[in-house]
Amino acid sequence: MRTVMAVCEQVHRMGILEHKARARIFYKYLSKVYDEVNAFIWTEEMRTEAIELLDIDSEDSVLDVGCGTGFATEGLFEHTERIHGLDQSTHQLEQAKQKFGAQGSVRFYRGDAERLPFADSTFDIVWSSGSIEYWPKPVEALKECRRVVKPDGRVLIVGPNYPSRTLFQKLADAIMLFYDESEADRMFQSAGFEEFEHHLMGPSHSPEIAITTVATP
């Protein structure tokens, strides 16, 4: 299992895409085919499974951090129209806006997960799927998620589960943040969350590819 010594010090060797400028360039080109590629990794079935963990009410306000092209936003929109999507990539946001229309009820913002442009205790739910792996300072971003969610709200984060094979571990470490349940424990505890639970999920060909954490402030 991967050592967590560096992570416990809130410092880890960042992968090439855990850099905001590089990530923006990466998504400038990936945004054109993101939904097609994403379907093999983060499926509609996984999205539905994650959403079911939240029991969303139609009056709940939801912040989708790192909303990308709006894939998760579409699933959330089936439960509530009070959705706000945030992403640092203008190209990803353009794709998302096309799905919902410029005058749609979903509001989109260009912003940084580590400095969310919202007041404390704003949202009933903070959701983020497929974004934490790009955050240079994941604990700081998790603190922000905790800050903007209401005291009785919920935070759901979906990230990539750490591979079990050494070859894939080396590749994962070189690209972005992958983490196991023990590292997830450390990150969420460091961010101030007292209650959280992890769920492993994935498509049939890789049923444990993702780690989904539901936390309460």
N, C-alpha and C. Protein backbone atom coordinates (compact mmCIF):
# COMPACT_ATOMS: atom_id res chain seq x y z
N MET A 1 0.84 -1.20 0.00
CA MET A 1 0.00 0.00 0.00
C MET A 1 0.88 1.24 0.00
N ARG A 2 0.44 2.25 -0.64
CA ARG A 2 1.17 3.50 -0.78
C ARG A 2 1.39 4.13 0.58
N THR A 3 2.62 4.60 0.85
CA THR A 3 2.90 5.30 2.10
C THR A 3 2.15 6.61 2.16
N VAL A 4 1.71 6.99 3.35
CA VAL A 4 0.98 8.24 3.51
C VAL A 4 1.79 9.28 4.27
N MET A 5 3.09 9.03 4.46
CA MET A 5 3.91 9.94 5.24
C MET A 5 3.87 11.36 4.68
N ALA A 6 4.12 11.48 3.39
CA ALA A 6 4.14 12.82 2.80
C ALA A 6 2.77 13.47 2.88
N VAL A 7 1.72 12.67 2.67
CA VAL A 7 0.37 13.21 2.69
C VAL A 7 0.01 13.68 4.08
N CYS A 8 0.44 12.96 5.09
CA CYS A 8 0.14 13.34 6.47
C CYS A 8 0.74 14.69 6.82
N GLU A 9 1.77 15.06 6.13
CA GLU A 9 2.37 16.38 6.31
C GLU A 9 1.73 17.40 5.39
N GLN A 10 0.62 16.99 4.73
CA GLN A 10 -0.11 17.82 3.79
C GLN A 10 0.75 18.24 2.61
N VAL A 11 1.74 17.42 2.31
CA VAL A 11 2.60 17.68 1.16
C VAL A 11 2.73 16.36 0.40
N HIS A 12 2.46 16.39 -0.87
CA HIS A 12 2.66 15.19 -1.66
C HIS A 12 3.31 15.58 -2.97
N ARG A 13 3.97 14.59 -3.57
CA ARG A 13 4.61 14.84 -4.86
C ARG A 13 3.53 14.96 -5.91
N MET A 14 3.34 16.16 -6.41
CA MET A 14 2.22 16.40 -7.31
C MET A 14 2.48 15.83 -8.70
N GLY A 15 1.43 15.26 -9.27
CA GLY A 15 1.50 14.76 -10.63
C GLY A 15 1.47 15.91 -11.62
N ILE A 16 1.74 15.60 -12.86
CA ILE A 16 1.87 16.64 -13.88
C ILE A 16 0.60 17.46 -14.06
N LEU A 17 -0.56 16.85 -13.81
CA LEU A 17 -1.82 17.58 -14.00
C LEU A 17 -2.34 18.22 -12.71
N GLU A 18 -1.61 18.05 -11.60
CA GLU A 18 -1.97 18.76 -10.37
C GLU A 18 -1.34 20.15 -10.40
N HIS A 19 -1.56 20.83 -11.47
CA HIS A 19 -1.00 22.16 -11.72
C HIS A 19 -2.06 22.89 -12.51
N LYS A 20 -2.52 24.01 -12.00
CA LYS A 20 -3.70 24.65 -12.57
C LYS A 20 -3.54 25.05 -14.03
N ALA A 21 -2.39 25.60 -14.38
CA ALA A 21 -2.18 26.03 -15.76
C ALA A 21 -2.15 24.82 -16.71
N ARG A 22 -1.45 23.76 -16.29
CA ARG A 22 -1.39 22.55 -17.13
C ARG A 22 -2.77 21.93 -17.27
N ALA A 23 -3.51 21.91 -16.18
CA ALA A 23 -4.85 21.32 -16.23
C ALA A 23 -5.76 22.10 -17.18
N ARG A 24 -5.63 23.42 -17.17
CA ARG A 24 -6.45 24.24 -18.08
C ARG A 24 -6.12 23.94 -19.54
N ILE A 25 -4.83 23.78 -19.84
CA ILE A 25 -4.43 23.45 -21.21
C ILE A 25 -4.93 22.06 -21.59
N PHE A 26 -4.81 21.13 -20.65
CA PHE A 26 -5.27 19.76 -20.87
C PHE A 26 -6.75 19.75 -21.23
N TYR A 27 -7.55 20.48 -20.48
CA TYR A 27 -8.99 20.48 -20.71
C TYR A 27 -9.40 21.35 -21.89
N LYS A 28 -8.54 22.22 -22.33
CA LYS A 28 -8.84 23.00 -23.53
C LYS A 28 -9.08 22.06 -24.70
N TYR A 29 -8.28 21.01 -24.77
CA TYR A 29 -8.40 20.05 -25.87
C TYR A 29 -9.32 18.89 -25.53
N LEU A 30 -9.28 18.44 -24.26
CA LEU A 30 -10.12 17.32 -23.87
C LEU A 30 -11.60 17.67 -23.88
N SER A 31 -11.92 18.94 -23.66
CA SER A 31 -13.32 19.35 -23.57
C SER A 31 -14.10 18.99 -24.83
N LYS A 32 -13.41 18.90 -25.97
CA LYS A 32 -14.09 18.61 -27.24
C LYS A 32 -14.60 17.16 -27.29
N VAL A 33 -13.94 16.27 -26.56
CA VAL A 33 -14.33 14.85 -26.60
C VAL A 33 -14.56 14.30 -25.21
N TYR A 34 -14.66 15.19 -24.22
CA TYR A 34 -14.70 14.76 -22.82
C TYR A 34 -15.84 13.78 -22.54
N ASP A 35 -17.03 14.10 -22.98
CA ASP A 35 -18.18 13.26 -22.67
C ASP A 35 -18.03 11.85 -23.25
N GLU A 36 -17.43 11.75 -24.44
CA GLU A 36 -17.25 10.45 -25.07
C GLU A 36 -16.21 9.63 -24.30
N VAL A 37 -15.11 10.26 -23.90
CA VAL A 37 -14.05 9.57 -23.16
C VAL A 37 -14.52 9.23 -21.75
N ASN A 38 -15.21 10.16 -21.13
CA ASN A 38 -15.65 10.02 -19.75
C ASN A 38 -16.60 8.84 -19.56
N ALA A 39 -17.34 8.51 -20.59
CA ALA A 39 -18.35 7.45 -20.50
C ALA A 39 -17.74 6.09 -20.14
N PHE A 40 -16.45 5.91 -20.39
CA PHE A 40 -15.79 4.64 -20.08
C PHE A 40 -15.26 4.60 -18.65
N ILE A 41 -15.21 5.76 -17.99
CA ILE A 41 -14.62 5.85 -16.65
C ILE A 41 -15.64 6.24 -15.60
N TRP A 42 -16.40 7.28 -15.88
CA TRP A 42 -17.39 7.81 -14.94
C TRP A 42 -18.74 7.71 -15.63
N THR A 43 -19.43 6.61 -15.41
CA THR A 43 -20.61 6.26 -16.18
C THR A 43 -21.89 6.85 -15.58
N GLU A 44 -22.96 6.81 -16.35
CA GLU A 44 -24.26 7.26 -15.85
C GLU A 44 -24.70 6.41 -14.66
N GLU A 45 -24.40 5.12 -14.70
CA GLU A 45 -24.77 4.23 -13.59
C GLU A 45 -24.03 4.64 -12.31
N MET A 46 -22.74 4.98 -12.43
CA MET A 46 -21.97 5.43 -11.27
C MET A 46 -22.52 6.76 -10.76
N ARG A 47 -22.84 7.63 -11.67
CA ARG A 47 -23.41 8.93 -11.29
C ARG A 47 -24.71 8.73 -10.51
N THR A 48 -25.56 7.86 -11.01
CA THR A 48 -26.83 7.59 -10.33
C THR A 48 -26.59 6.99 -8.95
N GLU A 49 -25.65 6.07 -8.86
CA GLU A 49 -25.33 5.43 -7.58
C GLU A 49 -24.85 6.47 -6.56
N ALA A 50 -24.01 7.40 -7.02
CA ALA A 50 -23.50 8.43 -6.12
C ALA A 50 -24.62 9.39 -5.69
N ILE A 51 -25.45 9.79 -6.63
CA ILE A 51 -26.55 10.72 -6.31
C ILE A 51 -27.51 10.10 -5.30
N GLU A 52 -27.73 8.80 -5.41
CA GLU A 52 -28.64 8.14 -4.49
C GLU A 52 -28.15 8.16 -3.05
N LEU A 53 -26.87 8.39 -2.85
CA LEU A 53 -26.32 8.47 -1.50
C LEU A 53 -26.74 9.75 -0.79
N LEU A 54 -27.26 10.73 -1.54
CA LEU A 54 -27.54 12.05 -0.98
C LEU A 54 -29.00 12.32 -0.65
N ASP A 55 -29.92 11.57 -1.24
CA ASP A 55 -31.35 11.79 -1.00
C ASP A 55 -31.70 13.27 -1.22
N ILE A 56 -31.46 13.76 -2.42
CA ILE A 56 -31.62 15.18 -2.73
C ILE A 56 -33.09 15.57 -2.80
N ASP A 57 -33.42 16.68 -2.17
CA ASP A 57 -34.76 17.24 -2.21
C ASP A 57 -34.84 18.29 -3.30
N SER A 58 -36.02 18.50 -3.86
CA SER A 58 -36.17 19.47 -4.96
C SER A 58 -35.84 20.90 -4.54
N GLU A 59 -35.87 21.18 -3.24
CA GLU A 59 -35.55 22.52 -2.75
C GLU A 59 -34.09 22.67 -2.35
N ASP A 60 -33.33 21.59 -2.43
CA ASP A 60 -31.92 21.67 -2.05
C ASP A 60 -31.12 22.48 -3.06
N SER A 61 -30.22 23.30 -2.55
CA SER A 61 -29.28 24.02 -3.41
C SER A 61 -27.98 23.23 -3.46
N VAL A 62 -27.45 23.06 -4.69
CA VAL A 62 -26.29 22.21 -4.89
C VAL A 62 -25.19 22.98 -5.60
N LEU A 63 -23.96 22.86 -5.10
CA LEU A 63 -22.79 23.40 -5.78
C LEU A 63 -22.01 22.23 -6.36
N ASP A 64 -21.79 22.27 -7.68
CA ASP A 64 -21.01 21.25 -8.38
C ASP A 64 -19.62 21.83 -8.63
N VAL A 65 -18.66 21.43 -7.81
CA VAL A 65 -17.29 21.95 -7.88
C VAL A 65 -16.49 21.14 -8.90
N GLY A 66 -15.92 21.84 -9.88
CA GLY A 66 -15.25 21.15 -10.97
C GLY A 66 -16.26 20.48 -11.86
N CYS A 67 -17.29 21.23 -12.23
CA CYS A 67 -18.43 20.67 -12.97
C CYS A 67 -18.07 20.22 -14.37
N GLY A 68 -16.96 20.71 -14.92
CA GLY A 68 -16.56 20.29 -16.26
C GLY A 68 -17.61 20.59 -17.31
N THR A 69 -17.91 19.62 -18.12
CA THR A 69 -18.90 19.80 -19.19
C THR A 69 -20.34 19.65 -18.71
N GLY A 70 -20.50 19.42 -17.41
CA GLY A 70 -21.85 19.33 -16.86
C GLY A 70 -22.42 17.93 -16.83
N PHE A 71 -21.57 16.91 -16.89
CA PHE A 71 -22.07 15.53 -16.87
C PHE A 71 -22.78 15.23 -15.55
N ALA A 72 -22.13 15.52 -14.43
CA ALA A 72 -22.77 15.30 -13.13
C ALA A 72 -23.93 16.26 -12.94
N THR A 73 -23.77 17.48 -13.44
CA THR A 73 -24.82 18.49 -13.31
C THR A 73 -26.13 17.99 -13.91
N GLU A 74 -26.04 17.30 -15.05
CA GLU A 74 -27.24 16.76 -15.69
C GLU A 74 -27.97 15.79 -14.77
N GLY A 75 -27.22 14.92 -14.10
CA GLY A 75 -27.84 13.98 -13.19
C GLY A 75 -28.44 14.66 -11.98
N LEU A 76 -27.75 15.65 -11.44
CA LEU A 76 -28.25 16.40 -10.28
C LEU A 76 -29.50 17.18 -10.65
N PHE A 77 -29.55 17.66 -11.89
CA PHE A 77 -30.67 18.48 -12.35
C PHE A 77 -31.99 17.69 -12.38
N GLU A 78 -31.88 16.38 -12.41
CA GLU A 78 -33.08 15.55 -12.37
C GLU A 78 -33.75 15.57 -11.00
N HIS A 79 -33.02 16.07 -10.00
CA HIS A 79 -33.53 16.08 -8.62
C HIS A 79 -33.81 17.49 -8.10
N THR A 80 -33.06 18.47 -8.57
CA THR A 80 -33.27 19.85 -8.17
C THR A 80 -32.76 20.78 -9.27
N GLU A 81 -33.42 21.91 -9.42
CA GLU A 81 -32.97 22.90 -10.41
C GLU A 81 -32.12 23.98 -9.78
N ARG A 82 -31.92 23.91 -8.49
CA ARG A 82 -31.14 24.92 -7.78
C ARG A 82 -29.67 24.50 -7.75
N ILE A 83 -29.04 24.56 -8.93
CA ILE A 83 -27.67 24.07 -9.09
C ILE A 83 -26.75 25.19 -9.54
N HIS A 84 -25.55 25.20 -8.95
CA HIS A 84 -24.50 26.13 -9.34
C HIS A 84 -23.27 25.30 -9.71
N GLY A 85 -22.73 25.54 -10.90
CA GLY A 85 -21.57 24.80 -11.36
C GLY A 85 -20.36 25.69 -11.43
N LEU A 86 -19.22 25.19 -10.95
CA LEU A 86 -17.98 25.97 -10.95
C LEU A 86 -16.86 25.14 -11.56
N ASP A 87 -16.05 25.78 -12.40
CA ASP A 87 -14.90 25.11 -12.99
C ASP A 87 -13.86 26.17 -13.35
N GLN A 88 -12.60 25.76 -13.39
CA GLN A 88 -11.54 26.71 -13.75
C GLN A 88 -11.31 26.77 -15.25
N SER A 89 -11.89 25.82 -15.99
CA SER A 89 -11.67 25.75 -17.44
C SER A 89 -12.81 26.44 -18.20
N THR A 90 -12.49 27.50 -18.92
CA THR A 90 -13.51 28.18 -19.72
C THR A 90 -14.04 27.26 -20.82
N HIS A 91 -13.19 26.39 -21.35
CA HIS A 91 -13.61 25.50 -22.42
C HIS A 91 -14.60 24.46 -21.93
N GLN A 92 -14.36 23.93 -20.72
CA GLN A 92 -15.31 22.99 -20.14
C GLN A 92 -16.64 23.69 -19.84
N LEU A 93 -16.56 24.89 -19.31
CA LEU A 93 -17.78 25.64 -18.98
C LEU A 93 -18.60 25.96 -20.22
N GLU A 94 -17.93 26.23 -21.32
CA GLU A 94 -18.66 26.51 -22.57
C GLU A 94 -19.49 25.30 -22.98
N GLN A 95 -18.92 24.10 -22.82
CA GLN A 95 -19.66 22.88 -23.14
C GLN A 95 -20.85 22.71 -22.21
N ALA A 96 -20.64 23.00 -20.92
CA ALA A 96 -21.72 22.87 -19.95
C ALA A 96 -22.85 23.85 -20.24
N LYS A 97 -22.50 25.07 -20.56
CA LYS A 97 -23.51 26.10 -20.84
C LYS A 97 -24.34 25.74 -22.07
N GLN A 98 -23.72 25.09 -23.05
CA GLN A 98 -24.46 24.67 -24.23
C GLN A 98 -25.52 23.64 -23.89
N LYS A 99 -25.25 22.80 -22.89
CA LYS A 99 -26.22 21.77 -22.50
C LYS A 99 -27.45 22.38 -21.83
N PHE A 100 -27.22 23.41 -21.05
CA PHE A 100 -28.32 23.96 -20.25
C PHE A 100 -28.85 25.29 -20.79
N GLY A 101 -28.14 25.86 -21.76
CA GLY A 101 -28.58 27.14 -22.32
C GLY A 101 -28.12 28.30 -21.48
N ALA A 102 -27.80 29.39 -22.13
CA ALA A 102 -27.27 30.56 -21.44
C ALA A 102 -28.25 31.12 -20.42
N GLN A 103 -29.54 30.96 -20.68
CA GLN A 103 -30.57 31.50 -19.79
C GLN A 103 -31.20 30.42 -18.92
N GLY A 104 -30.55 29.27 -18.83
CA GLY A 104 -31.11 28.18 -18.03
C GLY A 104 -31.03 28.46 -16.54
N SER A 105 -31.68 27.60 -15.75
CA SER A 105 -31.72 27.82 -14.31
C SER A 105 -30.41 27.49 -13.62
N VAL A 106 -29.55 26.68 -14.26
CA VAL A 106 -28.25 26.37 -13.68
C VAL A 106 -27.31 27.55 -13.90
N ARG A 107 -26.66 27.97 -12.83
CA ARG A 107 -25.72 29.08 -12.92
C ARG A 107 -24.29 28.55 -12.92
N PHE A 108 -23.48 29.06 -13.83
CA PHE A 108 -22.10 28.61 -13.94
C PHE A 108 -21.13 29.73 -13.60
N TYR A 109 -20.01 29.34 -12.98
CA TYR A 109 -19.00 30.30 -12.56
C TYR A 109 -17.62 29.74 -12.92
N ARG A 110 -16.74 30.63 -13.32
CA ARG A 110 -15.34 30.24 -13.48
C ARG A 110 -14.65 30.54 -12.16
N GLY A 111 -14.07 29.52 -11.54
CA GLY A 111 -13.47 29.73 -10.23
C GLY A 111 -12.57 28.59 -9.81
N ASP A 112 -12.00 28.76 -8.63
CA ASP A 112 -10.98 27.86 -8.09
C ASP A 112 -11.55 27.11 -6.90
N ALA A 113 -11.37 25.80 -6.87
CA ALA A 113 -11.88 24.98 -5.76
C ALA A 113 -11.25 25.36 -4.44
N GLU A 114 -10.04 25.89 -4.48
CA GLU A 114 -9.35 26.27 -3.25
C GLU A 114 -9.76 27.64 -2.74
N ARG A 115 -10.54 28.37 -3.53
CA ARG A 115 -11.03 29.70 -3.12
C ARG A 115 -12.44 29.88 -3.69
N LEU A 116 -13.37 29.17 -3.12
CA LEU A 116 -14.74 29.20 -3.63
C LEU A 116 -15.37 30.58 -3.41
N PRO A 117 -15.94 31.17 -4.46
CA PRO A 117 -16.47 32.54 -4.38
C PRO A 117 -17.88 32.61 -3.81
N PHE A 118 -18.08 31.95 -2.67
CA PHE A 118 -19.40 31.91 -2.05
C PHE A 118 -19.27 32.14 -0.55
N ALA A 119 -20.34 32.63 0.04
CA ALA A 119 -20.36 32.89 1.48
C ALA A 119 -20.44 31.58 2.26
N ASP A 120 -20.12 31.65 3.53
CA ASP A 120 -20.22 30.48 4.40
C ASP A 120 -21.66 29.96 4.42
N SER A 121 -21.79 28.65 4.56
CA SER A 121 -23.09 28.00 4.76
C SER A 121 -24.12 28.38 3.69
N THR A 122 -23.71 28.33 2.43
CA THR A 122 -24.59 28.73 1.33
C THR A 122 -25.41 27.57 0.78
N PHE A 123 -24.82 26.38 0.69
CA PHE A 123 -25.44 25.28 -0.05
C PHE A 123 -25.86 24.13 0.86
N ASP A 124 -26.93 23.45 0.44
CA ASP A 124 -27.36 22.24 1.13
C ASP A 124 -26.43 21.07 0.81
N ILE A 125 -25.94 21.06 -0.41
CA ILE A 125 -25.06 19.98 -0.87
C ILE A 125 -23.90 20.56 -1.68
N VAL A 126 -22.71 20.09 -1.40
CA VAL A 126 -21.55 20.39 -2.26
C VAL A 126 -21.11 19.07 -2.87
N TRP A 127 -21.08 19.05 -4.18
CA TRP A 127 -20.75 17.85 -4.96
C TRP A 127 -19.49 18.12 -5.77
N SER A 128 -18.63 17.13 -5.88
CA SER A 128 -17.49 17.24 -6.78
C SER A 128 -17.10 15.85 -7.27
N SER A 129 -17.13 15.64 -8.57
CA SER A 129 -16.77 14.35 -9.14
C SER A 129 -15.73 14.53 -10.23
N GLY A 130 -14.64 13.79 -10.12
CA GLY A 130 -13.59 13.86 -11.14
C GLY A 130 -12.83 15.16 -11.12
N SER A 131 -12.70 15.78 -9.95
CA SER A 131 -12.01 17.06 -9.87
C SER A 131 -10.90 17.06 -8.83
N ILE A 132 -11.09 16.37 -7.70
CA ILE A 132 -10.12 16.41 -6.62
C ILE A 132 -8.73 15.98 -7.07
N GLU A 133 -8.66 15.11 -8.05
CA GLU A 133 -7.36 14.62 -8.50
C GLU A 133 -6.50 15.70 -9.14
N TYR A 134 -7.11 16.83 -9.50
CA TYR A 134 -6.37 17.95 -10.10
C TYR A 134 -6.05 19.05 -9.09
N TRP A 135 -6.54 18.93 -7.88
CA TRP A 135 -6.34 20.00 -6.89
C TRP A 135 -4.94 19.95 -6.31
N PRO A 136 -4.13 20.99 -6.49
CA PRO A 136 -2.78 21.00 -5.90
C PRO A 136 -2.80 20.89 -4.38
N LYS A 137 -3.84 21.47 -3.76
CA LYS A 137 -3.96 21.44 -2.30
C LYS A 137 -5.34 20.88 -1.94
N PRO A 138 -5.50 19.56 -2.01
CA PRO A 138 -6.82 18.97 -1.82
C PRO A 138 -7.44 19.25 -0.45
N VAL A 139 -6.62 19.29 0.59
CA VAL A 139 -7.18 19.56 1.92
C VAL A 139 -7.75 20.97 2.00
N GLU A 140 -7.04 21.93 1.40
CA GLU A 140 -7.54 23.31 1.40
C GLU A 140 -8.87 23.40 0.64
N ALA A 141 -8.98 22.68 -0.46
CA ALA A 141 -10.23 22.69 -1.23
C ALA A 141 -11.35 22.01 -0.45
N LEU A 142 -11.03 20.94 0.26
CA LEU A 142 -12.04 20.28 1.08
C LEU A 142 -12.51 21.19 2.21
N LYS A 143 -11.59 21.98 2.76
CA LYS A 143 -11.97 22.96 3.78
C LYS A 143 -12.96 23.98 3.21
N GLU A 144 -12.73 24.37 1.95
CA GLU A 144 -13.64 25.30 1.30
C GLU A 144 -15.02 24.67 1.08
N CYS A 145 -15.02 23.40 0.69
CA CYS A 145 -16.31 22.71 0.54
C CYS A 145 -17.05 22.68 1.87
N ARG A 146 -16.34 22.42 2.93
CA ARG A 146 -16.94 22.38 4.26
C ARG A 146 -17.44 23.77 4.67
N ARG A 147 -16.70 24.79 4.28
CA ARG A 147 -17.07 26.16 4.65
C ARG A 147 -18.38 26.60 4.01
N VAL A 148 -18.58 26.26 2.73
CA VAL A 148 -19.74 26.79 2.01
C VAL A 148 -20.98 25.92 2.14
N VAL A 149 -20.85 24.74 2.73
CA VAL A 149 -22.03 23.89 2.92
C VAL A 149 -22.68 24.25 4.26
N LYS A 150 -23.99 24.10 4.33
CA LYS A 150 -24.73 24.42 5.55
C LYS A 150 -24.37 23.42 6.66
N PRO A 151 -24.54 23.81 7.92
CA PRO A 151 -24.18 22.93 9.04
C PRO A 151 -24.84 21.56 8.99
N ASP A 152 -26.05 21.50 8.43
CA ASP A 152 -26.74 20.21 8.32
C ASP A 152 -26.68 19.66 6.89
N GLY A 153 -25.75 20.19 6.09
CA GLY A 153 -25.63 19.76 4.70
C GLY A 153 -24.71 18.57 4.52
N ARG A 154 -24.46 18.24 3.26
CA ARG A 154 -23.63 17.09 2.93
C ARG A 154 -22.65 17.46 1.82
N VAL A 155 -21.47 16.87 1.91
CA VAL A 155 -20.44 17.05 0.88
C VAL A 155 -20.14 15.67 0.29
N LEU A 156 -20.18 15.59 -1.04
CA LEU A 156 -19.86 14.34 -1.72
C LEU A 156 -18.70 14.58 -2.68
N ILE A 157 -17.65 13.79 -2.55
CA ILE A 157 -16.47 13.90 -3.39
C ILE A 157 -16.19 12.56 -4.05
N VAL A 158 -16.05 12.56 -5.36
CA VAL A 158 -15.66 11.36 -6.10
C VAL A 158 -14.26 11.56 -6.66
N GLY A 159 -13.36 10.66 -6.32
CA GLY A 159 -11.99 10.74 -6.82
C GLY A 159 -11.51 9.37 -7.26
N PRO A 160 -10.31 9.30 -7.85
CA PRO A 160 -9.79 8.02 -8.34
C PRO A 160 -9.16 7.19 -7.23
N ASN A 161 -9.59 5.94 -7.11
CA ASN A 161 -9.04 5.03 -6.12
C ASN A 161 -7.61 4.65 -6.50
N TYR A 162 -6.75 4.53 -5.50
CA TYR A 162 -5.35 4.21 -5.76
C TYR A 162 -5.20 2.80 -6.32
N PRO A 163 -4.47 2.63 -7.43
CA PRO A 163 -4.34 1.30 -8.04
C PRO A 163 -3.63 0.32 -7.12
N SER A 164 -3.89 -0.94 -7.31
CA SER A 164 -3.27 -1.98 -6.48
C SER A 164 -1.96 -2.49 -7.08
N ARG A 165 -1.78 -2.32 -8.38
CA ARG A 165 -0.58 -2.83 -9.04
C ARG A 165 0.51 -1.76 -9.09
N THR A 166 1.74 -2.20 -8.85
CA THR A 166 2.87 -1.27 -8.75
C THR A 166 3.05 -0.44 -10.00
N LEU A 167 2.94 -1.03 -11.17
CA LEU A 167 3.13 -0.30 -12.42
C LEU A 167 2.12 0.83 -12.55
N PHE A 168 0.86 0.52 -12.25
CA PHE A 168 -0.19 1.54 -12.34
C PHE A 168 -0.04 2.59 -11.24
N GLN A 169 0.51 2.19 -10.09
CA GLN A 169 0.75 3.14 -9.01
C GLN A 169 1.75 4.21 -9.45
N LYS A 170 2.82 3.77 -10.09
CA LYS A 170 3.85 4.71 -10.56
C LYS A 170 3.28 5.66 -11.62
N LEU A 171 2.46 5.11 -12.50
CA LEU A 171 1.84 5.93 -13.53
C LEU A 171 0.88 6.93 -12.90
N ALA A 172 0.09 6.46 -11.95
CA ALA A 172 -0.88 7.33 -11.27
C ALA A 172 -0.17 8.47 -10.55
N ASP A 173 0.90 8.14 -9.83
CA ASP A 173 1.62 9.17 -9.08
C ASP A 173 2.21 10.23 -9.99
N ALA A 174 2.56 9.85 -11.20
CA ALA A 174 3.18 10.79 -12.13
C ALA A 174 2.17 11.74 -12.76
N ILE A 175 0.90 11.34 -12.76
CA ILE A 175 -0.10 12.13 -13.47
C ILE A 175 -0.90 13.05 -12.56
N MET A 176 -1.50 12.49 -11.51
CA MET A 176 -2.40 13.28 -10.68
C MET A 176 -2.57 12.59 -9.33
N LEU A 177 -3.46 13.11 -8.51
CA LEU A 177 -3.69 12.54 -7.19
C LEU A 177 -4.61 11.33 -7.26
N PHE A 178 -4.10 10.19 -6.85
CA PHE A 178 -4.90 8.99 -6.60
C PHE A 178 -4.75 8.69 -5.11
N TYR A 179 -5.79 8.20 -4.48
CA TYR A 179 -5.69 7.96 -3.04
C TYR A 179 -6.55 6.78 -2.62
N ASP A 180 -6.15 6.13 -1.53
CA ASP A 180 -6.92 5.02 -0.99
C ASP A 180 -7.77 5.51 0.18
N GLU A 181 -8.48 4.58 0.82
CA GLU A 181 -9.39 4.97 1.89
C GLU A 181 -8.65 5.57 3.09
N SER A 182 -7.46 5.08 3.39
CA SER A 182 -6.72 5.63 4.53
C SER A 182 -6.30 7.07 4.26
N GLU A 183 -5.90 7.36 3.04
CA GLU A 183 -5.55 8.74 2.70
C GLU A 183 -6.78 9.63 2.68
N ALA A 184 -7.90 9.06 2.22
CA ALA A 184 -9.15 9.81 2.25
C ALA A 184 -9.52 10.16 3.69
N ASP A 185 -9.34 9.22 4.60
CA ASP A 185 -9.59 9.49 6.03
C ASP A 185 -8.76 10.68 6.47
N ARG A 186 -7.48 10.65 6.17
CA ARG A 186 -6.57 11.72 6.61
C ARG A 186 -6.97 13.07 6.03
N MET A 187 -7.30 13.09 4.75
CA MET A 187 -7.64 14.37 4.11
C MET A 187 -8.92 14.97 4.69
N PHE A 188 -9.94 14.15 4.84
CA PHE A 188 -11.21 14.67 5.34
C PHE A 188 -11.10 15.06 6.82
N GLN A 189 -10.34 14.32 7.60
CA GLN A 189 -10.12 14.69 8.99
C GLN A 189 -9.36 16.01 9.07
N SER A 190 -8.33 16.16 8.24
CA SER A 190 -7.55 17.40 8.24
C SER A 190 -8.37 18.59 7.80
N ALA A 191 -9.39 18.34 6.97
CA ALA A 191 -10.26 19.42 6.50
C ALA A 191 -11.33 19.78 7.53
N GLY A 192 -11.40 19.03 8.63
CA GLY A 192 -12.33 19.36 9.70
C GLY A 192 -13.62 18.56 9.72
N PHE A 193 -13.75 17.59 8.82
CA PHE A 193 -14.95 16.77 8.81
C PHE A 193 -14.87 15.73 9.93
N GLU A 194 -15.95 15.60 10.66
CA GLU A 194 -15.99 14.63 11.76
C GLU A 194 -16.68 13.33 11.37
N GLU A 195 -17.61 13.42 10.45
CA GLU A 195 -18.33 12.22 10.02
C GLU A 195 -18.25 12.08 8.50
N PHE A 196 -17.82 10.92 8.05
CA PHE A 196 -17.76 10.65 6.61
C PHE A 196 -17.69 9.15 6.39
N GLU A 197 -18.07 8.74 5.18
CA GLU A 197 -18.01 7.33 4.81
C GLU A 197 -17.59 7.22 3.36
N HIS A 198 -16.87 6.15 3.07
CA HIS A 198 -16.36 5.93 1.72
C HIS A 198 -17.10 4.79 1.04
N HIS A 199 -17.27 4.93 -0.29
CA HIS A 199 -17.90 3.90 -1.10
C HIS A 199 -17.04 3.69 -2.34
N LEU A 200 -16.67 2.46 -2.61
CA LEU A 200 -15.93 2.16 -3.83
C LEU A 200 -16.93 1.82 -4.93
N MET A 201 -16.71 2.38 -6.10
CA MET A 201 -17.62 2.13 -7.21
C MET A 201 -16.89 2.21 -8.54
N GLY A 202 -17.53 1.73 -9.57
CA GLY A 202 -16.92 1.78 -10.89
C GLY A 202 -17.73 0.98 -11.89
N PRO A 203 -17.36 1.06 -13.17
CA PRO A 203 -18.04 0.27 -14.21
C PRO A 203 -17.72 -1.21 -14.03
N SER A 204 -18.42 -2.05 -14.76
CA SER A 204 -18.26 -3.50 -14.60
C SER A 204 -16.83 -3.97 -14.84
N HIS A 205 -16.12 -3.31 -15.74
CA HIS A 205 -14.76 -3.76 -16.06
C HIS A 205 -13.75 -3.35 -14.99
N SER A 206 -14.15 -2.41 -14.10
CA SER A 206 -13.25 -1.96 -13.03
C SER A 206 -14.10 -1.42 -11.89
N PRO A 207 -14.71 -2.30 -11.10
CA PRO A 207 -15.73 -1.92 -10.12
C PRO A 207 -15.24 -1.10 -8.94
N GLU A 208 -13.92 -0.95 -8.77
CA GLU A 208 -13.39 -0.17 -7.65
C GLU A 208 -12.49 0.96 -8.13
N ILE A 209 -12.79 1.49 -9.31
CA ILE A 209 -11.93 2.52 -9.89
C ILE A 209 -12.08 3.87 -9.20
N ALA A 210 -13.23 4.08 -8.56
CA ALA A 210 -13.50 5.37 -7.94
C ALA A 210 -13.77 5.21 -6.44
N ILE A 211 -13.42 6.23 -5.69
CA ILE A 211 -13.72 6.26 -4.27
C ILE A 211 -14.63 7.48 -4.01
N THR A 212 -15.81 7.22 -3.52
CA THR A 212 -16.81 8.27 -3.29
C THR A 212 -16.98 8.45 -1.79
N THR A 213 -16.79 9.67 -1.33
CA THR A 213 -16.89 9.98 0.09
C THR A 213 -18.06 10.93 0.32
N VAL A 214 -18.91 10.57 1.26
CA VAL A 214 -20.01 11.44 1.69
C VAL A 214 -19.67 11.91 3.09
N ALA A 215 -19.62 13.23 3.29
CA ALA A 215 -19.21 13.80 4.57
C ALA A 215 -20.20 14.86 5.04
N THR A 216 -20.27 15.00 6.37
CA THR A 216 -21.07 16.07 6.96
C THR A 216 -20.15 16.94 7.78
N PRO A 217 -20.44 18.26 7.85
CA PRO A 217 -19.54 19.19 8.57
C PRO A 217 -19.35 18.80 10.04
